[in-house]
Amino acid sequence: MDYAGRRATFSAAMKDGVALIPAARERYRNSDTGYEFRQDSDFYYLTGFTEPDAVLVLAPHDERERAILFLRPRDRTQEIWTGRR
């Protein structure tokens, strides 16, 4: 099953509810060393998205926007050190 199908199945079970599903956050050991990132399983199951600090909003009753994915803003200075997002 693809990600859109998984979201449709989950949304059908919610009926008229709204779901906010956050992605995992980046964790740091100290000021310049981070732990290896692992996406939240529920978030990944519904989106397949591997970036941290995102939020999936599912609103099955809304005709125009049933699923919205909010991402963190792009930081070009940080991309010098960590690579392009």
Protein backbone atom coordinates (compact mmCIF):
# COMPACT_ATOMS: atom_id res chain seq x y z
CA MET A 1 0.00 0.00 0.00
CA ASP A 2 1.29 3.47 -0.77
CA TYR A 3 1.43 6.41 1.64
CA ALA A 4 -1.68 8.10 0.21
CA GLY A 5 -3.61 4.86 0.73
CA ARG A 6 -2.42 4.62 4.32
CA ARG A 7 -3.51 8.21 4.98
CA ALA A 8 -6.91 7.49 3.38
CA THR A 9 -7.43 4.41 5.57
CA PHE A 10 -6.43 6.33 8.72
CA SER A 11 -8.64 9.30 7.78
CA ALA A 12 -11.66 7.05 7.18
CA ALA A 13 -11.32 5.69 10.69
CA MET A 14 -11.23 9.25 12.14
CA LYS A 15 -14.52 10.33 10.52
CA ASP A 16 -14.89 14.06 11.34
CA GLY A 17 -11.81 14.41 13.54
CA VAL A 18 -8.52 16.17 12.87
CA ALA A 19 -5.14 14.55 13.50
CA LEU A 20 -1.83 16.32 14.15
CA ILE A 21 1.07 13.92 13.74
CA PRO A 22 4.54 15.31 14.50
CA ALA A 23 7.80 14.05 13.05
CA ALA A 24 10.74 13.22 15.29
CA ARG A 25 13.04 16.03 16.42
CA GLU A 26 16.77 16.16 16.02
CA ARG A 27 18.64 15.38 19.25
CA TYR A 28 22.09 16.66 20.12
CA ARG A 29 24.69 15.15 22.45
CA ASN A 30 26.48 18.47 22.86
CA SER A 31 26.77 21.76 20.99
CA ASP A 32 28.27 20.30 17.80
CA THR A 33 27.51 16.56 17.78
CA GLY A 34 24.11 15.06 17.15
CA TYR A 35 22.65 11.62 17.54
CA GLU A 36 21.81 9.72 14.36
CA PHE A 37 18.32 10.81 13.29
CA ARG A 38 15.50 8.29 13.28
CA GLN A 39 12.07 9.31 12.05
CA ASP A 40 8.99 8.66 14.19
CA SER A 41 7.44 5.37 13.03
CA ASP A 42 3.84 6.64 12.88
CA PHE A 43 4.82 9.75 10.93
CA TYR A 44 6.96 7.75 8.49
CA TYR A 45 4.21 5.14 7.99
CA LEU A 46 1.80 7.86 6.83
CA THR A 47 4.21 10.06 4.85
CA GLY A 48 7.49 8.35 3.98
CA PHE A 49 9.12 11.71 4.79
CA THR A 50 12.51 11.55 6.52
CA GLU A 51 13.15 15.18 7.54
CA PRO A 52 12.90 16.20 11.21
CA ASP A 53 10.58 18.80 12.77
CA ALA A 54 7.67 18.39 10.35
CA VAL A 55 3.96 18.09 11.19
CA LEU A 56 1.28 16.22 9.25
CA VAL A 57 -2.29 17.53 9.58
CA LEU A 58 -5.08 15.22 8.48
CA ALA A 59 -8.55 16.72 8.12
CA PRO A 60 -10.72 14.25 6.16
CA HIS A 61 -13.81 16.47 6.25
CA ASP A 62 -12.05 19.32 4.36
CA GLU A 63 -12.70 18.97 0.62
CA ARG A 64 -9.67 20.97 -0.58
CA GLU A 65 -6.91 20.05 1.87
CA ARG A 66 -7.34 16.65 3.46
CA ALA A 67 -3.62 16.34 4.26
CA ILE A 68 -1.16 19.16 4.88
CA LEU A 69 2.53 18.71 5.60
CA PHE A 70 4.28 21.56 7.41
CA LEU A 71 8.08 21.66 7.10
CA ARG A 72 10.75 23.66 8.88
CA PRO A 73 12.10 26.62 6.92
CA ARG A 74 15.22 26.19 4.82
CA ASP A 75 18.43 27.39 6.48
CA ARG A 76 21.10 28.00 3.82
CA THR A 77 23.80 28.74 6.40
CA GLN A 78 23.21 25.41 8.15
CA GLU A 79 23.24 23.60 4.80
CA ILE A 80 26.90 24.58 4.38
CA TRP A 81 27.69 22.24 7.29
CA THR A 82 25.04 19.55 7.05
CA GLY A 83 24.36 19.38 3.31
CA ARG A 84 21.34 20.31 1.22
CA ARG A 85 17.96 19.36 2.60
